[in-house]
Amino acid sequence: MVIQICVGSSCHIKGSAEIVELLQQAVADHGLESEVTLAGSFCIGKCNRVGVTVQVDEEVHAGVTPAGFQEFFEQQVLARLR
């Protein structure tokens, strides 16, 4: 699985660095280092007024926030890997 986190200017302002950290920690906590590749990406093209855009394989998710991160990770990463 490849997860790309937008680090373009809009998402950077909305906290992409924190989402990167949350993803790194969650991947490590679940022992998924061999199954998940994290990568930064400049504008994915789905900017949202709130949150960061994250692409999981071919599926784009706009509006990922620290508050909604756990739900995002469970539904879009863990559920796909089970």
C-alpha atoms as a PDB file:
ATOM      1  CA  MET A   1       0.000   0.000   0.000  1.00  0.00           C
ATOM      2  CA  VAL A   2       1.266   3.462  -0.890  1.00  0.00           C
ATOM      3  CA  ILE A   3       0.000   6.434   1.103  1.00  0.00           C
ATOM      4  CA  GLN A   4       0.820   9.863  -0.287  1.00  0.00           C
ATOM      5  CA  ILE A   5       0.351  12.911   1.920  1.00  0.00           C
ATOM      6  CA  CYS A   6      -0.007  16.269   0.231  1.00  0.00           C
ATOM      7  CA  VAL A   7       2.684  18.656   1.439  1.00  0.00           C
ATOM      8  CA  GLY A   8       1.803  21.436  -0.984  1.00  0.00           C
ATOM      9  CA  SER A   9       1.287  24.945   0.359  1.00  0.00           C
ATOM     10  CA  SER A  10      -2.441  24.633   1.059  1.00  0.00           C
ATOM     11  CA  CYS A  11      -2.154  21.326   2.928  1.00  0.00           C
ATOM     12  CA  HIS A  12       1.051  22.452   4.649  1.00  0.00           C
ATOM     13  CA  ILE A  13      -0.861  25.371   6.162  1.00  0.00           C
ATOM     14  CA  LYS A  14      -3.631  22.968   7.238  1.00  0.00           C
ATOM     15  CA  GLY A  15      -1.259  20.678   9.110  1.00  0.00           C
ATOM     16  CA  SER A  16       0.224  18.124   6.740  1.00  0.00           C
ATOM     17  CA  ALA A  17       3.318  17.787   8.953  1.00  0.00           C
ATOM     18  CA  GLU A  18       1.121  16.604  11.834  1.00  0.00           C
ATOM     19  CA  ILE A  19      -0.704  14.125   9.587  1.00  0.00           C
ATOM     20  CA  VAL A  20       2.670  12.771   8.421  1.00  0.00           C
ATOM     21  CA  GLU A  21       3.712  12.273  12.047  1.00  0.00           C
ATOM     22  CA  LEU A  22       0.406  10.592  12.920  1.00  0.00           C
ATOM     23  CA  LEU A  23       0.747   8.234   9.957  1.00  0.00           C
ATOM     24  CA  GLN A  24       4.353   7.377  10.797  1.00  0.00           C
ATOM     25  CA  GLN A  25       3.390   6.586  14.380  1.00  0.00           C
ATOM     26  CA  ALA A  26       0.293   4.576  13.437  1.00  0.00           C
ATOM     27  CA  VAL A  27       2.207   2.510  10.872  1.00  0.00           C
ATOM     28  CA  ALA A  28       4.914   1.780  13.464  1.00  0.00           C
ATOM     29  CA  ASP A  29       2.403   1.039  16.231  1.00  0.00           C
ATOM     30  CA  HIS A  30       0.670  -1.557  14.041  1.00  0.00           C
ATOM     31  CA  GLY A  31       3.903  -3.046  12.673  1.00  0.00           C
ATOM     32  CA  LEU A  32       2.995  -2.181   9.092  1.00  0.00           C
ATOM     33  CA  GLU A  33       6.390  -0.912   7.937  1.00  0.00           C
ATOM     34  CA  SER A  34       6.748  -3.744   5.408  1.00  0.00           C
ATOM     35  CA  GLU A  35       3.210  -3.270   4.056  1.00  0.00           C
ATOM     36  CA  VAL A  36       2.846   0.524   3.886  1.00  0.00           C
ATOM     37  CA  THR A  37       4.998   3.054   2.065  1.00  0.00           C
ATOM     38  CA  LEU A  38       4.546   6.682   3.108  1.00  0.00           C
ATOM     39  CA  ALA A  39       5.413   9.406   0.623  1.00  0.00           C
ATOM     40  CA  GLY A  40       5.020  13.150   0.363  1.00  0.00           C
ATOM     41  CA  SER A  41       3.354  14.616  -2.688  1.00  0.00           C
ATOM     42  CA  PHE A  42       2.901  18.108  -3.958  1.00  0.00           C
ATOM     43  CA  CYS A  43      -0.677  19.076  -4.772  1.00  0.00           C
ATOM     44  CA  ILE A  44      -2.853  16.028  -5.367  1.00  0.00           C
ATOM     45  CA  GLY A  45      -5.498  18.324  -6.837  1.00  0.00           C
ATOM     46  CA  LYS A  46      -8.326  17.815  -4.357  1.00  0.00           C
ATOM     47  CA  CYS A  47      -7.813  20.750  -2.000  1.00  0.00           C
ATOM     48  CA  ASN A  48     -10.379  21.125   0.738  1.00  0.00           C
ATOM     49  CA  ARG A  49     -11.159  23.999   3.055  1.00  0.00           C
ATOM     50  CA  VAL A  50     -10.423  21.833   6.092  1.00  0.00           C
ATOM     51  CA  GLY A  51      -7.719  19.235   6.544  1.00  0.00           C
ATOM     52  CA  VAL A  52      -5.107  17.565   4.416  1.00  0.00           C
ATOM     53  CA  THR A  53      -5.460  15.544   1.218  1.00  0.00           C
ATOM     54  CA  VAL A  54      -4.166  11.969   1.468  1.00  0.00           C
ATOM     55  CA  GLN A  55      -4.085   9.405  -1.325  1.00  0.00           C
ATOM     56  CA  VAL A  56      -4.244   5.715  -0.399  1.00  0.00           C
ATOM     57  CA  ASP A  57      -3.160   3.741  -3.448  1.00  0.00           C
ATOM     58  CA  GLU A  58      -5.475   5.236  -6.113  1.00  0.00           C
ATOM     59  CA  GLU A  59      -8.172   6.627  -3.792  1.00  0.00           C
ATOM     60  CA  VAL A  60      -8.001  10.300  -2.797  1.00  0.00           C
ATOM     61  CA  HIS A  61      -9.304  11.475   0.589  1.00  0.00           C
ATOM     62  CA  ALA A  62      -9.659  15.201   1.177  1.00  0.00           C
ATOM     63  CA  GLY A  63     -10.040  16.798   4.586  1.00  0.00           C
ATOM     64  CA  VAL A  64      -8.023  14.469   6.826  1.00  0.00           C
ATOM     65  CA  THR A  65      -7.596  16.166  10.214  1.00  0.00           C
ATOM     66  CA  PRO A  66      -5.919  15.150  13.471  1.00  0.00           C
ATOM     67  CA  ALA A  67      -9.373  14.859  15.061  1.00  0.00           C
ATOM     68  CA  GLY A  68     -10.558  12.442  12.365  1.00  0.00           C
ATOM     69  CA  PHE A  69      -7.245  10.676  11.868  1.00  0.00           C
ATOM     70  CA  GLN A  70      -7.983   7.524  13.880  1.00  0.00           C
ATOM     71  CA  GLU A  71     -11.208   6.853  11.975  1.00  0.00           C
ATOM     72  CA  PHE A  72      -9.447   7.533   8.648  1.00  0.00           C
ATOM     73  CA  PHE A  73      -6.589   5.167   9.530  1.00  0.00           C
ATOM     74  CA  GLU A  74      -8.895   2.382  10.691  1.00  0.00           C
ATOM     75  CA  GLN A  75     -11.204   2.594   7.661  1.00  0.00           C
ATOM     76  CA  GLN A  76      -8.761   3.418   4.870  1.00  0.00           C
ATOM     77  CA  VAL A  77      -5.607   1.611   5.972  1.00  0.00           C
ATOM     78  CA  LEU A  78      -6.272  -1.125   8.523  1.00  0.00           C
ATOM     79  CA  ALA A  79      -9.513  -2.325   6.921  1.00  0.00           C
ATOM     80  CA  ARG A  80      -7.808  -2.646   3.523  1.00  0.00           C
ATOM     81  CA  LEU A  81      -4.900  -4.620   4.932  1.00  0.00           C
ATOM     82  CA  ARG A  82      -7.000  -7.157   6.823  1.00  0.00           C
END
